[in-house]
Amino acid sequence: MDIGVLYGGTSAEVEVSRKSGKAIADGLRKMSNSVTELEWTEQRAIADIEVLKKFDVIFIGYHGGAGEDGHIQAVLELAKIPFTGSGSVSSALGMNKILSKIIFDRAAIPNAKWCVLEKSDSKNARYEYLNYLKTYKLDFPVVIKPANQGSTVGITIAKSEEDFFAGVKTAFEFGKFALVERYIPGREVTVAILGDEPMPVVEIIPEGGFYDYEHKYTSGKSKYVCPAKISDSVAKKLQDAAIQAYKALGCRHYARADFRLSPDNEIFCLEVNTLPGMTDLSLVPMAAREYGIEFPELVHRIADMAKTNKGG
């Protein structure tokens, strides 16, 4: 296949995108594909769409921003260019944490109790925000997230009112809305999906207990256990919920569903990442390797799904 690998962009996750793009390109070359690396901004990809038409497949290595939220996907769809990962609508839904939560609730996919805060210039804004927590019966600790960011960018775990207001301020730096969820004590686990097949469950054990951006992408900051040391029944429950969430959002080719697992083995879906990282520290390649699929085969399979219009 003649494949163009798009990476770079302008989002807060640009460095991860560069690492993913380079790794994807190297893996595809090992499978005898012709590969062109395109470290472009999303704006250039839109402007130079005619250049992208010469490839059999565009492998999207962007993370966050317009490269993951459906913008690039919509342009490629209109140009009828095969590309990897979920389509424009699914990408938009996956990136928007609020819309994802609404879909999870309607599809009966277990997730943490939540509410949405809208940025306000009112003098009573602090009171209004706290009142929302009371209305939705959310007690501290809570987790505050920007509505449209990935890789735990802008996330805060608030154990007090002071933490809460600081976290809300941080979230609003990224947009008009913030998602507030009940904090679920327990373990961080994730399920990668390839096509319609769930991979082995991975447990993430971050140094210090919080899997933030630094712990995701800094070697030695987190430990990973694959397969996770959980019972077969709990693993199956997580895998089933991952597939359910993946299908509820209409995803295709590959994705990763993230969960919290409580001390009582209750599962809570956090989000579905439609363009998960593909670096040497990334979880999808780790799970695929445990499943018997080495990285070059993994990225080749994903590219082939895009070319042949298969895989979800």
C-alpha atoms as a PDB file:
ATOM      1  CA  MET A   1       0.000   0.000   0.000  1.00  0.00           C
ATOM      2  CA  ASP A   2       1.005   3.601  -0.589  1.00  0.00           C
ATOM      3  CA  ILE A   3       0.268   5.260   2.749  1.00  0.00           C
ATOM      4  CA  GLY A   4       0.495   8.847   3.926  1.00  0.00           C
ATOM      5  CA  VAL A   5       0.952   9.217   7.692  1.00  0.00           C
ATOM      6  CA  LEU A   6      -0.471  12.510   8.963  1.00  0.00           C
ATOM      7  CA  TYR A   7       0.829  13.774  12.285  1.00  0.00           C
ATOM      8  CA  GLY A   8       1.838  16.933  14.115  1.00  0.00           C
ATOM      9  CA  GLY A   9      -0.985  19.450  14.268  1.00  0.00           C
ATOM     10  CA  THR A  10      -1.590  22.299  16.667  1.00  0.00           C
ATOM     11  CA  SER A  11      -3.251  20.663  19.686  1.00  0.00           C
ATOM     12  CA  ALA A  12      -1.866  20.352  23.214  1.00  0.00           C
ATOM     13  CA  GLU A  13      -0.929  16.780  22.287  1.00  0.00           C
ATOM     14  CA  VAL A  14       1.341  17.643  19.348  1.00  0.00           C
ATOM     15  CA  GLU A  15       4.456  15.980  20.827  1.00  0.00           C
ATOM     16  CA  VAL A  16       2.589  12.721  21.347  1.00  0.00           C
ATOM     17  CA  SER A  17       1.322  12.982  17.780  1.00  0.00           C
ATOM     18  CA  ARG A  18       4.878  13.302  16.486  1.00  0.00           C
ATOM     19  CA  LYS A  19       5.979  10.227  18.425  1.00  0.00           C
ATOM     20  CA  SER A  20       2.940   8.248  17.265  1.00  0.00           C
ATOM     21  CA  GLY A  21       3.401   9.318  13.649  1.00  0.00           C
ATOM     22  CA  LYS A  22       7.060   8.308  13.558  1.00  0.00           C
ATOM     23  CA  ALA A  23       6.312   4.941  15.174  1.00  0.00           C
ATOM     24  CA  ILE A  24       3.387   4.259  12.817  1.00  0.00           C
ATOM     25  CA  ALA A  25       5.507   5.107   9.765  1.00  0.00           C
ATOM     26  CA  ASP A  26       8.371   2.852  10.908  1.00  0.00           C
ATOM     27  CA  GLY A  27       5.959  -0.022  11.603  1.00  0.00           C
ATOM     28  CA  LEU A  28       4.255   0.286   8.226  1.00  0.00           C
ATOM     29  CA  ARG A  29       7.602   0.275   6.406  1.00  0.00           C
ATOM     30  CA  LYS A  30       8.523  -2.993   8.132  1.00  0.00           C
ATOM     31  CA  MET A  31       5.458  -4.512   6.427  1.00  0.00           C
ATOM     32  CA  SER A  32       6.751  -3.443   3.000  1.00  0.00           C
ATOM     33  CA  ASN A  33       4.398  -0.509   2.600  1.00  0.00           C
ATOM     34  CA  SER A  34       5.396   2.658   0.768  1.00  0.00           C
ATOM     35  CA  VAL A  35       5.161   5.371   3.432  1.00  0.00           C
ATOM     36  CA  THR A  36       5.310   9.150   3.268  1.00  0.00           C
ATOM     37  CA  GLU A  37       5.494  11.039   6.547  1.00  0.00           C
ATOM     38  CA  LEU A  38       3.415  14.225   6.558  1.00  0.00           C
ATOM     39  CA  GLU A  39       4.085  16.374   9.608  1.00  0.00           C
ATOM     40  CA  TRP A  40       1.404  18.882   8.778  1.00  0.00           C
ATOM     41  CA  THR A  41      -0.941  21.108  10.696  1.00  0.00           C
ATOM     42  CA  GLU A  42      -4.611  20.248  10.343  1.00  0.00           C
ATOM     43  CA  GLN A  43      -5.075  23.474   8.366  1.00  0.00           C
ATOM     44  CA  ARG A  44      -2.488  22.410   5.808  1.00  0.00           C
ATOM     45  CA  ALA A  45      -4.100  18.980   5.487  1.00  0.00           C
ATOM     46  CA  ILE A  46      -7.372  20.699   4.605  1.00  0.00           C
ATOM     47  CA  ALA A  47      -5.702  23.133   2.194  1.00  0.00           C
ATOM     48  CA  ASP A  48      -3.594  20.473   0.458  1.00  0.00           C
ATOM     49  CA  ILE A  49      -6.304  17.834   0.202  1.00  0.00           C
ATOM     50  CA  GLU A  50      -5.396  17.172  -3.454  1.00  0.00           C
ATOM     51  CA  VAL A  51      -1.949  15.956  -2.336  1.00  0.00           C
ATOM     52  CA  LEU A  52      -3.579  13.416  -0.013  1.00  0.00           C
ATOM     53  CA  LYS A  53      -5.672  11.944  -2.821  1.00  0.00           C
ATOM     54  CA  LYS A  54      -2.616  10.231  -4.354  1.00  0.00           C
ATOM     55  CA  PHE A  55      -2.310   7.802  -1.429  1.00  0.00           C
ATOM     56  CA  ASP A  56      -4.180   4.515  -1.059  1.00  0.00           C
ATOM     57  CA  VAL A  57      -4.761   5.311   2.624  1.00  0.00           C
ATOM     58  CA  ILE A  58      -4.152   8.192   5.015  1.00  0.00           C
ATOM     59  CA  PHE A  59      -3.096   6.937   8.448  1.00  0.00           C
ATOM     60  CA  ILE A  60      -4.135   9.626  10.922  1.00  0.00           C
ATOM     61  CA  GLY A  61      -1.605  10.084  13.710  1.00  0.00           C
ATOM     62  CA  TYR A  62      -3.019  13.321  15.095  1.00  0.00           C
ATOM     63  CA  HIS A  63      -4.104  13.519  18.744  1.00  0.00           C
ATOM     64  CA  GLY A  64      -6.539  16.065  20.098  1.00  0.00           C
ATOM     65  CA  GLY A  65      -7.887  19.207  18.476  1.00  0.00           C
ATOM     66  CA  ALA A  66      -9.126  19.368  14.894  1.00  0.00           C
ATOM     67  CA  GLY A  67      -7.104  16.258  14.021  1.00  0.00           C
ATOM     68  CA  GLU A  68      -9.177  14.057  16.311  1.00  0.00           C
ATOM     69  CA  ASP A  69     -12.512  15.816  16.787  1.00  0.00           C
ATOM     70  CA  GLY A  70     -13.963  15.063  13.355  1.00  0.00           C
ATOM     71  CA  HIS A  71     -12.765  18.062  11.347  1.00  0.00           C
ATOM     72  CA  ILE A  72     -10.032  16.276   9.385  1.00  0.00           C
ATOM     73  CA  GLN A  73     -12.176  13.168   9.149  1.00  0.00           C
ATOM     74  CA  ALA A  74     -15.031  15.142   7.585  1.00  0.00           C
ATOM     75  CA  VAL A  75     -12.732  16.669   4.956  1.00  0.00           C
ATOM     76  CA  LEU A  76     -11.298  13.260   4.043  1.00  0.00           C
ATOM     77  CA  GLU A  77     -14.800  11.799   3.822  1.00  0.00           C
ATOM     78  CA  LEU A  78     -15.940  14.571   1.465  1.00  0.00           C
ATOM     79  CA  ALA A  79     -12.843  13.987  -0.677  1.00  0.00           C
ATOM     80  CA  LYS A  80     -13.527  10.224  -0.630  1.00  0.00           C
ATOM     81  CA  ILE A  81     -10.024   9.475   0.691  1.00  0.00           C
ATOM     82  CA  PRO A  82      -9.747   6.276   2.780  1.00  0.00           C
ATOM     83  CA  PHE A  83      -8.390   6.997   6.249  1.00  0.00           C
ATOM     84  CA  THR A  84      -7.771   5.120   9.473  1.00  0.00           C
ATOM     85  CA  GLY A  85      -9.803   5.454  12.619  1.00  0.00           C
ATOM     86  CA  SER A  86     -13.368   6.475  13.260  1.00  0.00           C
ATOM     87  CA  GLY A  87     -15.424   8.677  10.941  1.00  0.00           C
ATOM     88  CA  SER A  88     -16.233  12.328  11.497  1.00  0.00           C
ATOM     89  CA  VAL A  89     -19.365  11.869  13.600  1.00  0.00           C
ATOM     90  CA  SER A  90     -17.879   9.199  15.859  1.00  0.00           C
ATOM     91  CA  SER A  91     -14.691  11.218  16.256  1.00  0.00           C
ATOM     92  CA  ALA A  92     -16.672  14.287  17.306  1.00  0.00           C
ATOM     93  CA  LEU A  93     -18.703  12.265  19.792  1.00  0.00           C
ATOM     94  CA  GLY A  94     -15.627  10.590  21.251  1.00  0.00           C
ATOM     95  CA  MET A  95     -13.805  13.885  21.736  1.00  0.00           C
ATOM     96  CA  ASN A  96     -16.788  15.613  23.331  1.00  0.00           C
ATOM     97  CA  LYS A  97     -16.929  14.181  26.835  1.00  0.00           C
ATOM     98  CA  ILE A  98     -20.402  15.588  27.490  1.00  0.00           C
ATOM     99  CA  LEU A  99     -21.975  14.028  24.393  1.00  0.00           C
ATOM    100  CA  SER A 100     -20.192  10.757  25.185  1.00  0.00           C
ATOM    101  CA  LYS A 101     -21.698  10.722  28.678  1.00  0.00           C
ATOM    102  CA  ILE A 102     -25.191  11.325  27.287  1.00  0.00           C
ATOM    103  CA  ILE A 103     -24.747   8.398  24.880  1.00  0.00           C
ATOM    104  CA  PHE A 104     -23.318   6.165  27.620  1.00  0.00           C
ATOM    105  CA  ASP A 105     -26.331   6.897  29.821  1.00  0.00           C
ATOM    106  CA  ARG A 106     -28.801   6.173  27.046  1.00  0.00           C
ATOM    107  CA  ALA A 107     -27.005   2.942  26.131  1.00  0.00           C
ATOM    108  CA  ALA A 108     -26.886   1.855  29.807  1.00  0.00           C
ATOM    109  CA  ILE A 109     -23.077   1.818  29.792  1.00  0.00           C
ATOM    110  CA  PRO A 110     -21.954   2.228  33.416  1.00  0.00           C
ATOM    111  CA  ASN A 111     -20.245   5.537  34.120  1.00  0.00           C
ATOM    112  CA  ALA A 112     -19.741   7.925  37.021  1.00  0.00           C
ATOM    113  CA  LYS A 113     -22.442  10.380  38.104  1.00  0.00           C
ATOM    114  CA  TRP A 114     -21.831  13.719  36.393  1.00  0.00           C
ATOM    115  CA  CYS A 115     -22.923  17.265  35.636  1.00  0.00           C
ATOM    116  CA  VAL A 116     -21.886  20.074  33.294  1.00  0.00           C
ATOM    117  CA  LEU A 117     -20.767  23.568  34.262  1.00  0.00           C
ATOM    118  CA  GLU A 118     -20.982  26.475  31.828  1.00  0.00           C
ATOM    119  CA  LYS A 119     -18.481  29.307  32.132  1.00  0.00           C
ATOM    120  CA  SER A 120     -20.121  32.339  33.708  1.00  0.00           C
ATOM    121  CA  ASP A 121     -19.092  35.910  34.382  1.00  0.00           C
ATOM    122  CA  SER A 122     -21.740  36.232  37.064  1.00  0.00           C
ATOM    123  CA  LYS A 123     -20.711  37.565  40.458  1.00  0.00           C
ATOM    124  CA  ASN A 124     -22.479  34.541  41.908  1.00  0.00           C
ATOM    125  CA  ALA A 125     -20.666  32.036  39.651  1.00  0.00           C
ATOM    126  CA  ARG A 126     -18.934  30.223  42.505  1.00  0.00           C
ATOM    127  CA  TYR A 127     -22.210  29.781  44.357  1.00  0.00           C
ATOM    128  CA  GLU A 128     -23.899  28.593  41.165  1.00  0.00           C
ATOM    129  CA  TYR A 129     -21.177  26.013  40.502  1.00  0.00           C
ATOM    130  CA  LEU A 130     -21.400  24.621  44.024  1.00  0.00           C
ATOM    131  CA  ASN A 131     -25.184  24.567  43.776  1.00  0.00           C
ATOM    132  CA  TYR A 132     -24.896  22.387  40.670  1.00  0.00           C
ATOM    133  CA  LEU A 133     -22.892  19.848  42.657  1.00  0.00           C
ATOM    134  CA  LYS A 134     -25.608  19.767  45.314  1.00  0.00           C
ATOM    135  CA  THR A 135     -28.369  19.465  42.691  1.00  0.00           C
ATOM    136  CA  TYR A 136     -26.670  16.462  41.133  1.00  0.00           C
ATOM    137  CA  LYS A 137     -25.669  15.030  44.526  1.00  0.00           C
ATOM    138  CA  LEU A 138     -21.964  15.190  43.798  1.00  0.00           C
ATOM    139  CA  ASP A 139     -19.778  15.273  46.902  1.00  0.00           C
ATOM    140  CA  PHE A 140     -16.022  15.766  47.077  1.00  0.00           C
ATOM    141  CA  PRO A 141     -13.825  14.371  45.754  1.00  0.00           C
ATOM    142  CA  VAL A 142     -14.857  15.116  42.180  1.00  0.00           C
ATOM    143  CA  VAL A 143     -13.006  15.083  38.868  1.00  0.00           C
ATOM    144  CA  ILE A 144     -13.149  18.194  36.659  1.00  0.00           C
ATOM    145  CA  LYS A 145     -12.360  17.929  32.951  1.00  0.00           C
ATOM    146  CA  PRO A 146     -12.480  20.237  29.938  1.00  0.00           C
ATOM    147  CA  ALA A 147     -15.276  19.082  27.634  1.00  0.00           C
ATOM    148  CA  ASN A 148     -13.066  18.667  24.553  1.00  0.00           C
ATOM    149  CA  GLN A 149      -9.540  17.639  25.519  1.00  0.00           C
ATOM    150  CA  GLY A 150      -7.748  14.299  25.465  1.00  0.00           C
ATOM    151  CA  SER A 151      -4.810  12.715  27.320  1.00  0.00           C
ATOM    152  CA  THR A 152      -6.020  14.100  30.667  1.00  0.00           C
ATOM    153  CA  VAL A 153      -5.129  17.626  29.545  1.00  0.00           C
ATOM    154  CA  GLY A 154      -6.604  20.149  32.005  1.00  0.00           C
ATOM    155  CA  ILE A 155      -7.952  17.534  34.433  1.00  0.00           C
ATOM    156  CA  THR A 156      -8.200  18.128  38.208  1.00  0.00           C
ATOM    157  CA  ILE A 157      -9.153  15.885  41.119  1.00  0.00           C
ATOM    158  CA  ALA A 158     -10.777  18.207  43.656  1.00  0.00           C
ATOM    159  CA  LYS A 159     -10.987  17.191  47.312  1.00  0.00           C
ATOM    160  CA  SER A 160     -12.114  20.578  48.608  1.00  0.00           C
ATOM    161  CA  GLU A 161     -13.885  23.749  47.503  1.00  0.00           C
ATOM    162  CA  GLU A 162     -10.514  25.424  46.947  1.00  0.00           C
ATOM    163  CA  ASP A 163      -9.394  22.554  44.681  1.00  0.00           C
ATOM    164  CA  PHE A 164     -12.758  22.640  42.942  1.00  0.00           C
ATOM    165  CA  PHE A 165     -12.646  26.323  42.003  1.00  0.00           C
ATOM    166  CA  ALA A 166      -9.033  25.975  40.820  1.00  0.00           C
ATOM    167  CA  GLY A 167      -9.996  22.963  38.706  1.00  0.00           C
ATOM    168  CA  VAL A 168     -12.989  24.736  37.191  1.00  0.00           C
ATOM    169  CA  LYS A 169     -10.770  27.692  36.281  1.00  0.00           C
ATOM    170  CA  THR A 170      -8.283  25.345  34.602  1.00  0.00           C
ATOM    171  CA  ALA A 171     -11.000  23.520  32.648  1.00  0.00           C
ATOM    172  CA  PHE A 172     -12.476  26.789  31.397  1.00  0.00           C
ATOM    173  CA  GLU A 173      -9.104  27.727  29.912  1.00  0.00           C
ATOM    174  CA  PHE A 174      -9.874  25.115  27.237  1.00  0.00           C
ATOM    175  CA  GLY A 175     -13.477  26.012  26.481  1.00  0.00           C
ATOM    176  CA  LYS A 176     -16.886  27.150  27.619  1.00  0.00           C
ATOM    177  CA  PHE A 177     -17.955  23.906  29.319  1.00  0.00           C
ATOM    178  CA  ALA A 178     -16.491  21.690  32.031  1.00  0.00           C
ATOM    179  CA  LEU A 179     -17.518  18.157  32.959  1.00  0.00           C
ATOM    180  CA  VAL A 180     -17.637  17.283  36.653  1.00  0.00           C
ATOM    181  CA  GLU A 181     -17.765  13.611  37.674  1.00  0.00           C
ATOM    182  CA  ARG A 182     -17.863  11.716  40.935  1.00  0.00           C
ATOM    183  CA  TYR A 183     -14.376  10.464  41.702  1.00  0.00           C
ATOM    184  CA  ILE A 184     -14.233   6.676  41.618  1.00  0.00           C
ATOM    185  CA  PRO A 185     -11.612   5.203  43.961  1.00  0.00           C
ATOM    186  CA  GLY A 186      -9.936   2.069  42.726  1.00  0.00           C
ATOM    187  CA  ARG A 187      -7.913   1.014  39.708  1.00  0.00           C
ATOM    188  CA  GLU A 188      -7.312   2.500  36.260  1.00  0.00           C
ATOM    189  CA  VAL A 189      -7.856  -0.033  33.474  1.00  0.00           C
ATOM    190  CA  THR A 190      -8.241   0.147  29.726  1.00  0.00           C
ATOM    191  CA  VAL A 191      -9.427  -2.058  26.866  1.00  0.00           C
ATOM    192  CA  ALA A 192      -8.071  -1.666  23.340  1.00  0.00           C
ATOM    193  CA  ILE A 193     -10.309  -2.667  20.449  1.00  0.00           C
ATOM    194  CA  LEU A 194      -9.172  -3.789  17.000  1.00  0.00           C
ATOM    195  CA  GLY A 195     -11.986  -4.103  14.487  1.00  0.00           C
ATOM    196  CA  ASP A 196     -14.714  -5.547  16.650  1.00  0.00           C
ATOM    197  CA  GLU A 197     -12.354  -7.542  18.880  1.00  0.00           C
ATOM    198  CA  PRO A 198     -11.453  -6.479  22.429  1.00  0.00           C
ATOM    199  CA  MET A 199      -7.819  -6.928  23.417  1.00  0.00           C
ATOM    200  CA  PRO A 200      -6.593  -8.049  26.867  1.00  0.00           C
ATOM    201  CA  VAL A 201      -7.297  -5.624  29.715  1.00  0.00           C
ATOM    202  CA  VAL A 202      -4.373  -3.420  30.771  1.00  0.00           C
ATOM    203  CA  GLU A 203      -4.053  -2.016  34.293  1.00  0.00           C
ATOM    204  CA  ILE A 204      -2.281   1.316  34.691  1.00  0.00           C
ATOM    205  CA  ILE A 205      -0.483   2.001  37.972  1.00  0.00           C
ATOM    206  CA  PRO A 206       0.738   5.623  37.963  1.00  0.00           C
ATOM    207  CA  GLU A 207       3.443   6.801  40.336  1.00  0.00           C
ATOM    208  CA  GLY A 208       1.596   8.901  42.907  1.00  0.00           C
ATOM    209  CA  GLY A 209      -1.821   7.529  42.004  1.00  0.00           C
ATOM    210  CA  PHE A 210      -2.919   9.964  39.252  1.00  0.00           C
ATOM    211  CA  TYR A 211      -2.588   9.059  35.574  1.00  0.00           C
ATOM    212  CA  ASP A 212      -2.099  12.545  34.159  1.00  0.00           C
ATOM    213  CA  TYR A 213      -0.391  13.677  30.941  1.00  0.00           C
ATOM    214  CA  GLU A 214       3.104  13.434  32.439  1.00  0.00           C
ATOM    215  CA  HIS A 215       2.497   9.903  33.730  1.00  0.00           C
ATOM    216  CA  LYS A 216       1.093   8.803  30.376  1.00  0.00           C
ATOM    217  CA  TYR A 217       4.018   9.904  28.265  1.00  0.00           C
ATOM    218  CA  THR A 218       7.091   9.852  30.518  1.00  0.00           C
ATOM    219  CA  SER A 219       8.996   6.582  30.697  1.00  0.00           C
ATOM    220  CA  GLY A 220       9.071   5.123  34.221  1.00  0.00           C
ATOM    221  CA  LYS A 221       6.255   7.328  35.568  1.00  0.00           C
ATOM    222  CA  SER A 222       3.684   4.523  35.374  1.00  0.00           C
ATOM    223  CA  LYS A 223       3.641   0.741  35.533  1.00  0.00           C
ATOM    224  CA  TYR A 224       1.474  -1.377  33.257  1.00  0.00           C
ATOM    225  CA  VAL A 225       0.144  -4.853  33.881  1.00  0.00           C
ATOM    226  CA  CYS A 226      -1.040  -6.743  30.811  1.00  0.00           C
ATOM    227  CA  PRO A 227      -3.135  -8.739  31.153  1.00  0.00           C
ATOM    228  CA  ALA A 228      -4.483  -7.050  34.267  1.00  0.00           C
ATOM    229  CA  LYS A 229      -4.570  -9.164  37.429  1.00  0.00           C
ATOM    230  CA  ILE A 230      -8.339  -9.431  37.637  1.00  0.00           C
ATOM    231  CA  SER A 231     -10.760 -12.332  37.439  1.00  0.00           C
ATOM    232  CA  ASP A 232     -11.880 -13.644  34.059  1.00  0.00           C
ATOM    233  CA  SER A 233     -15.425 -12.524  34.814  1.00  0.00           C
ATOM    234  CA  VAL A 234     -14.374  -8.929  35.549  1.00  0.00           C
ATOM    235  CA  ALA A 235     -12.165  -8.880  32.451  1.00  0.00           C
ATOM    236  CA  LYS A 236     -15.087 -10.097  30.351  1.00  0.00           C
ATOM    237  CA  LYS A 237     -17.350  -7.438  31.860  1.00  0.00           C
ATOM    238  CA  LEU A 238     -14.824  -4.734  30.955  1.00  0.00           C
ATOM    239  CA  GLN A 239     -14.348  -6.064  27.432  1.00  0.00           C
ATOM    240  CA  ASP A 240     -18.096  -6.270  26.842  1.00  0.00           C
ATOM    241  CA  ALA A 241     -18.600  -2.719  28.092  1.00  0.00           C
ATOM    242  CA  ALA A 242     -15.718  -1.504  25.901  1.00  0.00           C
ATOM    243  CA  ILE A 243     -17.286  -3.018  22.795  1.00  0.00           C
ATOM    244  CA  GLN A 244     -20.674  -1.611  23.782  1.00  0.00           C
ATOM    245  CA  ALA A 245     -19.226   1.902  24.180  1.00  0.00           C
ATOM    246  CA  TYR A 246     -17.236   1.566  20.938  1.00  0.00           C
ATOM    247  CA  LYS A 247     -20.366   0.608  19.019  1.00  0.00           C
ATOM    248  CA  ALA A 248     -22.576   3.173  20.762  1.00  0.00           C
ATOM    249  CA  LEU A 249     -20.302   5.925  19.435  1.00  0.00           C
ATOM    250  CA  GLY A 250     -20.117   4.248  16.011  1.00  0.00           C
ATOM    251  CA  CYS A 251     -16.334   3.737  16.091  1.00  0.00           C
ATOM    252  CA  ARG A 252     -14.353   1.711  13.576  1.00  0.00           C
ATOM    253  CA  HIS A 253     -10.912   0.168  12.969  1.00  0.00           C
ATOM    254  CA  TYR A 254      -9.435   0.703  16.445  1.00  0.00           C
ATOM    255  CA  ALA A 255      -9.951   2.646  19.650  1.00  0.00           C
ATOM    256  CA  ARG A 256      -9.381   2.381  23.389  1.00  0.00           C
ATOM    257  CA  ALA A 257     -11.994   2.485  26.136  1.00  0.00           C
ATOM    258  CA  ASP A 258     -10.820   3.688  29.555  1.00  0.00           C
ATOM    259  CA  PHE A 259     -12.399   2.623  32.846  1.00  0.00           C
ATOM    260  CA  ARG A 260     -12.200   2.946  36.600  1.00  0.00           C
ATOM    261  CA  LEU A 261     -12.575  -0.307  38.511  1.00  0.00           C
ATOM    262  CA  SER A 262     -13.843   0.194  42.062  1.00  0.00           C
ATOM    263  CA  PRO A 263     -12.645  -1.884  45.054  1.00  0.00           C
ATOM    264  CA  ASP A 264     -15.942  -3.812  44.697  1.00  0.00           C
ATOM    265  CA  ASN A 265     -15.155  -4.507  41.016  1.00  0.00           C
ATOM    266  CA  GLU A 266     -17.810  -2.129  39.734  1.00  0.00           C
ATOM    267  CA  ILE A 267     -16.835  -0.727  36.337  1.00  0.00           C
ATOM    268  CA  PHE A 268     -17.208   2.882  35.222  1.00  0.00           C
ATOM    269  CA  CYS A 269     -16.503   3.901  31.635  1.00  0.00           C
ATOM    270  CA  LEU A 270     -14.538   7.158  31.467  1.00  0.00           C
ATOM    271  CA  GLU A 271     -14.260   7.680  27.719  1.00  0.00           C
ATOM    272  CA  VAL A 272     -13.522   6.137  24.356  1.00  0.00           C
ATOM    273  CA  ASN A 273     -10.329   7.425  22.757  1.00  0.00           C
ATOM    274  CA  THR A 274     -10.863   7.273  18.982  1.00  0.00           C
ATOM    275  CA  LEU A 275      -7.216   8.035  18.145  1.00  0.00           C
ATOM    276  CA  PRO A 276      -5.232   6.479  20.993  1.00  0.00           C
ATOM    277  CA  GLY A 277      -1.495   6.966  21.232  1.00  0.00           C
ATOM    278  CA  MET A 278       0.731   4.685  19.181  1.00  0.00           C
ATOM    279  CA  THR A 279       4.105   5.399  20.799  1.00  0.00           C
ATOM    280  CA  ASP A 280       6.452   2.905  22.429  1.00  0.00           C
ATOM    281  CA  LEU A 281       4.677   3.603  25.754  1.00  0.00           C
ATOM    282  CA  SER A 282       1.172   3.338  24.328  1.00  0.00           C
ATOM    283  CA  LEU A 283      -1.452   0.926  25.550  1.00  0.00           C
ATOM    284  CA  VAL A 284      -3.014  -0.274  22.292  1.00  0.00           C
ATOM    285  CA  PRO A 285       0.294  -1.735  21.004  1.00  0.00           C
ATOM    286  CA  MET A 286       0.914  -3.261  24.447  1.00  0.00           C
ATOM    287  CA  ALA A 287      -2.467  -5.006  24.500  1.00  0.00           C
ATOM    288  CA  ALA A 288      -2.142  -6.115  20.878  1.00  0.00           C
ATOM    289  CA  ARG A 289       1.261  -7.645  21.619  1.00  0.00           C
ATOM    290  CA  GLU A 290      -0.274  -9.668  24.454  1.00  0.00           C
ATOM    291  CA  TYR A 291      -2.957 -10.745  21.972  1.00  0.00           C
ATOM    292  CA  GLY A 292      -0.209 -11.964  19.611  1.00  0.00           C
ATOM    293  CA  ILE A 293      -0.029  -9.001  17.234  1.00  0.00           C
ATOM    294  CA  GLU A 294       3.283  -7.167  16.986  1.00  0.00           C
ATOM    295  CA  PHE A 295       3.309  -3.449  16.240  1.00  0.00           C
ATOM    296  CA  PRO A 296       4.117  -3.575  12.487  1.00  0.00           C
ATOM    297  CA  GLU A 297       1.285  -6.056  11.924  1.00  0.00           C
ATOM    298  CA  LEU A 298      -1.047  -3.943  14.067  1.00  0.00           C
ATOM    299  CA  VAL A 299      -0.603  -0.731  12.060  1.00  0.00           C
ATOM    300  CA  HIS A 300      -0.674  -2.670   8.772  1.00  0.00           C
ATOM    301  CA  ARG A 301      -3.988  -4.280   9.761  1.00  0.00           C
ATOM    302  CA  ILE A 302      -5.466  -0.900  10.626  1.00  0.00           C
ATOM    303  CA  ALA A 303      -4.347   0.563   7.297  1.00  0.00           C
ATOM    304  CA  ASP A 304      -5.755  -2.447   5.449  1.00  0.00           C
ATOM    305  CA  MET A 305      -9.125  -2.026   7.224  1.00  0.00           C
ATOM    306  CA  ALA A 306      -9.246   1.551   5.966  1.00  0.00           C
ATOM    307  CA  LYS A 307      -8.367   0.568   2.411  1.00  0.00           C
ATOM    308  CA  THR A 308     -10.849  -2.314   2.245  1.00  0.00           C
ATOM    309  CA  ASN A 309     -13.567  -0.563   4.264  1.00  0.00           C
ATOM    310  CA  LYS A 310     -13.614  -3.227   6.969  1.00  0.00           C
ATOM    311  CA  GLY A 311     -13.170  -3.358  10.708  1.00  0.00           C
ATOM    312  CA  GLY A 312     -16.248  -1.870  12.268  1.00  0.00           C
END
